[in-house]
Amino acid sequence: MSKKDKNSKVEETQVEETSTATSETEQDHQIETKSAEEQLQDQLAAEKDKFMRLFAEFENYKKRTTKERIDLFKTASQDVMVSMLPVLDDFERALMHIEEDKEAEELRKGVLLIYNKLINTLEQKGLSKIEVKQGDVFNADDHEAVTQIPAPSDDLKGKIIDVVERGYRLGDKVIRFPKVVIGQ
């Protein structure tokens, strides 16, 4: 072998080593680039997820506050209605007392007129009576038991004997439970 052949073999070996080193460096650089791109993709996906969760949470907040506002408007007059209930009770007592007096027919008509006007006005604002009759089954969720008395008959045991005070509802919400006497 001549010197030229040896030199060319050495050069070829050096070129191969250099090209191998270069390709390894390019591969390392591509791996780093891919991992950076993947990192950015991962960050983008995480930010999208965070945004979607925040957006959904905000939508839920808007729905909840809208519902609370509607409920507030429905029951805004609850304090006034609750304070008016004793007045209604007094009207009913007065009407029962006036009906017993035969001489006060004109007075009864006037009080009845005012009572009906008051009832109609309150009903327009959402107030409604809870209908409870003698003989209805007592339910602790719907009635307030004032006292228990011995039942006049066996079929009235555990049932309502008398209604002491009417119950009222404002919209769908009970603002006063009916007070009842039950048989035992």
C-alpha atoms as a PDB file:
ATOM      1  CA  MET A   1       0.000   0.000   0.000  1.00  0.00           C
ATOM      2  CA  SER A   2       1.179   3.320  -0.841  1.00  0.00           C
ATOM      3  CA  LYS A   3       1.014   6.441   1.196  1.00  0.00           C
ATOM      4  CA  LYS A   4      -1.787   7.742  -0.961  1.00  0.00           C
ATOM      5  CA  ASP A   5      -3.879   4.688  -0.290  1.00  0.00           C
ATOM      6  CA  LYS A   6      -3.231   4.936   3.445  1.00  0.00           C
ATOM      7  CA  ASN A   7      -4.045   8.646   3.447  1.00  0.00           C
ATOM      8  CA  SER A   8      -7.245   8.095   1.530  1.00  0.00           C
ATOM      9  CA  LYS A   9      -8.297   5.315   3.925  1.00  0.00           C
ATOM     10  CA  VAL A  10      -7.547   7.560   6.905  1.00  0.00           C
ATOM     11  CA  GLU A  11      -9.497  10.389   5.281  1.00  0.00           C
ATOM     12  CA  GLU A  12     -12.407   8.079   4.539  1.00  0.00           C
ATOM     13  CA  THR A  13     -12.414   6.888   8.146  1.00  0.00           C
ATOM     14  CA  GLN A  14     -12.300  10.475   9.396  1.00  0.00           C
ATOM     15  CA  VAL A  15     -15.084  11.467   7.015  1.00  0.00           C
ATOM     16  CA  GLU A  16     -17.197   8.522   8.177  1.00  0.00           C
ATOM     17  CA  GLU A  17     -16.572   9.383  11.820  1.00  0.00           C
ATOM     18  CA  THR A  18     -17.365  13.033  11.158  1.00  0.00           C
ATOM     19  CA  SER A  19     -20.543  12.178   9.257  1.00  0.00           C
ATOM     20  CA  THR A  20     -21.576   9.745  11.995  1.00  0.00           C
ATOM     21  CA  ALA A  21     -20.942  12.389  14.654  1.00  0.00           C
ATOM     22  CA  THR A  22     -22.850  14.954  12.599  1.00  0.00           C
ATOM     23  CA  SER A  23     -25.834  12.645  12.116  1.00  0.00           C
ATOM     24  CA  GLU A  24     -25.844  11.831  15.847  1.00  0.00           C
ATOM     25  CA  THR A  25     -25.811  15.550  16.658  1.00  0.00           C
ATOM     26  CA  GLU A  26     -28.661  16.144  14.207  1.00  0.00           C
ATOM     27  CA  GLN A  27     -30.642  13.295  15.771  1.00  0.00           C
ATOM     28  CA  ASP A  28     -30.030  14.700  19.266  1.00  0.00           C
ATOM     29  CA  HIS A  29     -31.105  18.133  18.027  1.00  0.00           C
ATOM     30  CA  GLN A  30     -34.240  16.648  16.432  1.00  0.00           C
ATOM     31  CA  ILE A  31     -35.050  14.819  19.687  1.00  0.00           C
ATOM     32  CA  GLU A  32     -34.623  18.073  21.622  1.00  0.00           C
ATOM     33  CA  THR A  33     -36.754  19.899  19.068  1.00  0.00           C
ATOM     34  CA  LYS A  34     -39.462  17.257  19.204  1.00  0.00           C
ATOM     35  CA  SER A  35     -39.476  17.281  22.968  1.00  0.00           C
ATOM     36  CA  ALA A  36     -39.724  21.093  22.957  1.00  0.00           C
ATOM     37  CA  GLU A  37     -42.599  20.885  20.481  1.00  0.00           C
ATOM     38  CA  GLU A  38     -44.213  18.161  22.538  1.00  0.00           C
ATOM     39  CA  GLN A  39     -43.732  20.263  25.655  1.00  0.00           C
ATOM     40  CA  LEU A  40     -45.418  23.192  23.946  1.00  0.00           C
ATOM     41  CA  GLN A  41     -48.250  20.925  22.782  1.00  0.00           C
ATOM     42  CA  ASP A  42     -48.647  19.626  26.334  1.00  0.00           C
ATOM     43  CA  GLN A  43     -48.673  23.159  27.714  1.00  0.00           C
ATOM     44  CA  LEU A  44     -51.220  24.187  25.095  1.00  0.00           C
ATOM     45  CA  ALA A  45     -53.454  21.234  25.972  1.00  0.00           C
ATOM     46  CA  ALA A  46     -53.161  22.035  29.695  1.00  0.00           C
ATOM     47  CA  GLU A  47     -54.065  25.693  29.092  1.00  0.00           C
ATOM     48  CA  LYS A  48     -57.030  24.675  26.912  1.00  0.00           C
ATOM     49  CA  ASP A  49     -58.243  22.342  29.637  1.00  0.00           C
ATOM     50  CA  LYS A  50     -57.804  25.052  32.258  1.00  0.00           C
ATOM     51  CA  PHE A  51     -59.701  27.537  30.062  1.00  0.00           C
ATOM     52  CA  MET A  52     -62.562  25.112  29.420  1.00  0.00           C
ATOM     53  CA  ARG A  53     -62.909  24.373  33.141  1.00  0.00           C
ATOM     54  CA  LEU A  54     -62.885  28.068  33.976  1.00  0.00           C
ATOM     55  CA  PHE A  55     -65.455  28.762  31.260  1.00  0.00           C
ATOM     56  CA  ALA A  56     -67.718  25.956  32.527  1.00  0.00           C
ATOM     57  CA  GLU A  57     -67.363  27.211  36.092  1.00  0.00           C
ATOM     58  CA  PHE A  58     -68.335  30.721  34.967  1.00  0.00           C
ATOM     59  CA  GLU A  59     -71.380  29.398  33.091  1.00  0.00           C
ATOM     60  CA  ASN A  60     -72.462  27.501  36.218  1.00  0.00           C
ATOM     61  CA  TYR A  61     -71.992  30.686  38.250  1.00  0.00           C
ATOM     62  CA  LYS A  62     -74.189  32.650  35.836  1.00  0.00           C
ATOM     63  CA  LYS A  63     -76.930  30.000  35.952  1.00  0.00           C
ATOM     64  CA  ARG A  64     -76.793  29.802  39.739  1.00  0.00           C
ATOM     65  CA  THR A  65     -76.982  33.574  40.232  1.00  0.00           C
ATOM     66  CA  THR A  66     -79.840  33.844  37.731  1.00  0.00           C
ATOM     67  CA  LYS A  67     -81.756  31.147  39.596  1.00  0.00           C
ATOM     68  CA  GLU A  68     -81.039  32.819  42.943  1.00  0.00           C
ATOM     69  CA  ARG A  69     -82.226  36.165  41.559  1.00  0.00           C
ATOM     70  CA  ILE A  70     -85.478  34.627  40.298  1.00  0.00           C
ATOM     71  CA  ASP A  71     -86.022  32.933  43.676  1.00  0.00           C
ATOM     72  CA  LEU A  72     -85.321  36.225  45.432  1.00  0.00           C
ATOM     73  CA  PHE A  73     -87.901  38.036  43.336  1.00  0.00           C
ATOM     74  CA  LYS A  74     -90.428  35.289  44.015  1.00  0.00           C
ATOM     75  CA  THR A  75     -89.968  35.477  47.770  1.00  0.00           C
ATOM     76  CA  ALA A  76     -88.963  39.138  48.158  1.00  0.00           C
ATOM     77  CA  SER A  77     -92.310  39.908  49.709  1.00  0.00           C
ATOM     78  CA  GLN A  78     -92.099  37.016  52.159  1.00  0.00           C
ATOM     79  CA  ASP A  79     -91.492  39.245  55.205  1.00  0.00           C
ATOM     80  CA  VAL A  80     -94.500  41.396  54.349  1.00  0.00           C
ATOM     81  CA  MET A  81     -96.658  38.318  53.759  1.00  0.00           C
ATOM     82  CA  VAL A  82     -95.620  36.715  57.046  1.00  0.00           C
ATOM     83  CA  SER A  83     -96.462  39.919  58.918  1.00  0.00           C
ATOM     84  CA  MET A  84     -99.878  40.057  57.180  1.00  0.00           C
ATOM     85  CA  LEU A  85    -100.882  36.522  58.212  1.00  0.00           C
ATOM     86  CA  PRO A  86    -102.009  37.501  61.747  1.00  0.00           C
ATOM     87  CA  VAL A  87    -104.203  40.186  60.164  1.00  0.00           C
ATOM     88  CA  LEU A  88    -105.838  37.507  57.988  1.00  0.00           C
ATOM     89  CA  ASP A  89    -106.378  35.356  61.075  1.00  0.00           C
ATOM     90  CA  ASP A  90    -108.025  38.273  62.870  1.00  0.00           C
ATOM     91  CA  PHE A  91    -110.310  38.899  59.891  1.00  0.00           C
ATOM     92  CA  GLU A  92    -111.394  35.254  59.896  1.00  0.00           C
ATOM     93  CA  ARG A  93    -112.081  35.354  63.652  1.00  0.00           C
ATOM     94  CA  ALA A  94    -114.059  38.589  63.239  1.00  0.00           C
ATOM     95  CA  LEU A  95    -116.133  37.084  60.420  1.00  0.00           C
ATOM     96  CA  MET A  96    -116.926  34.004  62.518  1.00  0.00           C
ATOM     97  CA  HIS A  97    -117.936  36.197  65.455  1.00  0.00           C
ATOM     98  CA  ILE A  98    -120.025  38.550  63.295  1.00  0.00           C
ATOM     99  CA  GLU A  99    -121.882  35.616  61.701  1.00  0.00           C
ATOM    100  CA  GLU A 100    -123.143  34.636  65.140  1.00  0.00           C
ATOM    101  CA  ASP A 101    -124.570  38.143  65.679  1.00  0.00           C
ATOM    102  CA  LYS A 102    -127.795  38.472  63.669  1.00  0.00           C
ATOM    103  CA  GLU A 103    -128.079  42.232  64.181  1.00  0.00           C
ATOM    104  CA  ALA A 104    -124.714  43.050  62.509  1.00  0.00           C
ATOM    105  CA  GLU A 105    -125.575  41.984  58.939  1.00  0.00           C
ATOM    106  CA  GLU A 106    -124.345  45.234  57.351  1.00  0.00           C
ATOM    107  CA  LEU A 107    -121.146  45.108  59.403  1.00  0.00           C
ATOM    108  CA  ARG A 108    -120.553  41.511  58.270  1.00  0.00           C
ATOM    109  CA  LYS A 109    -120.950  42.516  54.613  1.00  0.00           C
ATOM    110  CA  GLY A 110    -118.416  45.358  55.002  1.00  0.00           C
ATOM    111  CA  VAL A 111    -115.852  43.209  56.813  1.00  0.00           C
ATOM    112  CA  LEU A 112    -116.348  40.399  54.282  1.00  0.00           C
ATOM    113  CA  LEU A 113    -115.795  42.843  51.425  1.00  0.00           C
ATOM    114  CA  ILE A 114    -112.525  44.106  52.939  1.00  0.00           C
ATOM    115  CA  TYR A 115    -111.411  40.550  53.761  1.00  0.00           C
ATOM    116  CA  ASN A 116    -112.052  39.346  50.188  1.00  0.00           C
ATOM    117  CA  LYS A 117    -110.218  42.339  48.745  1.00  0.00           C
ATOM    118  CA  LEU A 118    -107.205  41.651  50.995  1.00  0.00           C
ATOM    119  CA  ILE A 119    -107.223  37.931  50.123  1.00  0.00           C
ATOM    120  CA  ASN A 120    -107.416  38.663  46.379  1.00  0.00           C
ATOM    121  CA  THR A 121    -104.545  41.144  46.567  1.00  0.00           C
ATOM    122  CA  LEU A 122    -102.332  38.716  48.463  1.00  0.00           C
ATOM    123  CA  GLU A 123    -103.214  35.862  46.095  1.00  0.00           C
ATOM    124  CA  GLN A 124    -102.145  38.034  43.155  1.00  0.00           C
ATOM    125  CA  LYS A 125     -98.768  38.389  44.882  1.00  0.00           C
ATOM    126  CA  GLY A 126     -98.427  34.585  45.134  1.00  0.00           C
ATOM    127  CA  LEU A 127     -99.955  33.756  48.522  1.00  0.00           C
ATOM    128  CA  SER A 128    -102.135  30.652  48.688  1.00  0.00           C
ATOM    129  CA  LYS A 129    -103.847  28.744  51.502  1.00  0.00           C
ATOM    130  CA  ILE A 130    -102.811  25.228  52.371  1.00  0.00           C
ATOM    131  CA  GLU A 131    -106.063  23.282  52.441  1.00  0.00           C
ATOM    132  CA  VAL A 132    -106.370  21.044  55.493  1.00  0.00           C
ATOM    133  CA  LYS A 133    -109.632  19.388  56.520  1.00  0.00           C
ATOM    134  CA  GLN A 134    -110.801  17.426  59.488  1.00  0.00           C
ATOM    135  CA  GLY A 135    -110.091  13.749  58.867  1.00  0.00           C
ATOM    136  CA  ASP A 136    -106.966  14.282  56.716  1.00  0.00           C
ATOM    137  CA  VAL A 137    -103.979  12.110  57.558  1.00  0.00           C
ATOM    138  CA  PHE A 138    -101.407  13.899  59.725  1.00  0.00           C
ATOM    139  CA  ASN A 139     -98.013  14.315  58.082  1.00  0.00           C
ATOM    140  CA  ALA A 140     -95.232  15.872  60.184  1.00  0.00           C
ATOM    141  CA  ASP A 141     -93.606  17.270  57.030  1.00  0.00           C
ATOM    142  CA  ASP A 142     -96.750  19.187  56.029  1.00  0.00           C
ATOM    143  CA  HIS A 143     -98.422  19.999  59.349  1.00  0.00           C
ATOM    144  CA  GLU A 144     -97.460  21.318  62.756  1.00  0.00           C
ATOM    145  CA  ALA A 145     -99.115  19.402  65.604  1.00  0.00           C
ATOM    146  CA  VAL A 146    -100.165  21.698  68.434  1.00  0.00           C
ATOM    147  CA  THR A 147    -101.617  18.994  70.650  1.00  0.00           C
ATOM    148  CA  GLN A 148    -103.017  15.478  70.694  1.00  0.00           C
ATOM    149  CA  ILE A 149    -106.393  14.578  72.074  1.00  0.00           C
ATOM    150  CA  PRO A 150    -108.162  11.248  72.390  1.00  0.00           C
ATOM    151  CA  ALA A 151    -109.801  10.468  69.055  1.00  0.00           C
ATOM    152  CA  PRO A 152    -113.614  10.676  69.124  1.00  0.00           C
ATOM    153  CA  SER A 153    -113.709   7.538  66.949  1.00  0.00           C
ATOM    154  CA  ASP A 154    -111.261   4.862  65.882  1.00  0.00           C
ATOM    155  CA  ASP A 155    -111.186   6.078  62.283  1.00  0.00           C
ATOM    156  CA  LEU A 156    -109.745   9.483  63.409  1.00  0.00           C
ATOM    157  CA  LYS A 157    -106.684   8.016  65.178  1.00  0.00           C
ATOM    158  CA  GLY A 158    -103.559   9.611  63.700  1.00  0.00           C
ATOM    159  CA  LYS A 159    -105.694  12.001  61.693  1.00  0.00           C
ATOM    160  CA  ILE A 160    -106.426  15.701  61.982  1.00  0.00           C
ATOM    161  CA  ILE A 161    -109.249  16.528  64.410  1.00  0.00           C
ATOM    162  CA  ASP A 162    -109.163  20.344  64.201  1.00  0.00           C
ATOM    163  CA  VAL A 163    -107.254  23.131  62.430  1.00  0.00           C
ATOM    164  CA  VAL A 164    -106.110  25.757  64.931  1.00  0.00           C
ATOM    165  CA  GLU A 165    -104.339  28.035  62.451  1.00  0.00           C
ATOM    166  CA  ARG A 166    -104.305  27.965  58.649  1.00  0.00           C
ATOM    167  CA  GLY A 167    -101.127  27.365  56.733  1.00  0.00           C
ATOM    168  CA  TYR A 168     -99.966  29.498  53.820  1.00  0.00           C
ATOM    169  CA  ARG A 169     -97.647  29.074  50.887  1.00  0.00           C
ATOM    170  CA  LEU A 170     -95.848  31.831  48.946  1.00  0.00           C
ATOM    171  CA  GLY A 171     -95.230  30.459  45.481  1.00  0.00           C
ATOM    172  CA  ASP A 172     -93.876  26.962  46.108  1.00  0.00           C
ATOM    173  CA  LYS A 173     -92.434  27.770  49.541  1.00  0.00           C
ATOM    174  CA  VAL A 174     -94.384  27.156  52.744  1.00  0.00           C
ATOM    175  CA  ILE A 175     -94.209  30.301  54.878  1.00  0.00           C
ATOM    176  CA  ARG A 176     -96.448  28.998  57.670  1.00  0.00           C
ATOM    177  CA  PHE A 177     -97.379  25.399  58.335  1.00  0.00           C
ATOM    178  CA  PRO A 178    -100.959  24.691  59.368  1.00  0.00           C
ATOM    179  CA  LYS A 179    -101.281  24.148  63.121  1.00  0.00           C
ATOM    180  CA  VAL A 180    -103.509  21.165  63.828  1.00  0.00           C
ATOM    181  CA  VAL A 181    -104.876  19.013  66.617  1.00  0.00           C
ATOM    182  CA  ILE A 182    -104.501  15.279  66.017  1.00  0.00           C
ATOM    183  CA  GLY A 183    -106.274  12.284  67.479  1.00  0.00           C
ATOM    184  CA  GLN A 184    -104.434   9.570  69.329  1.00  0.00           C
END
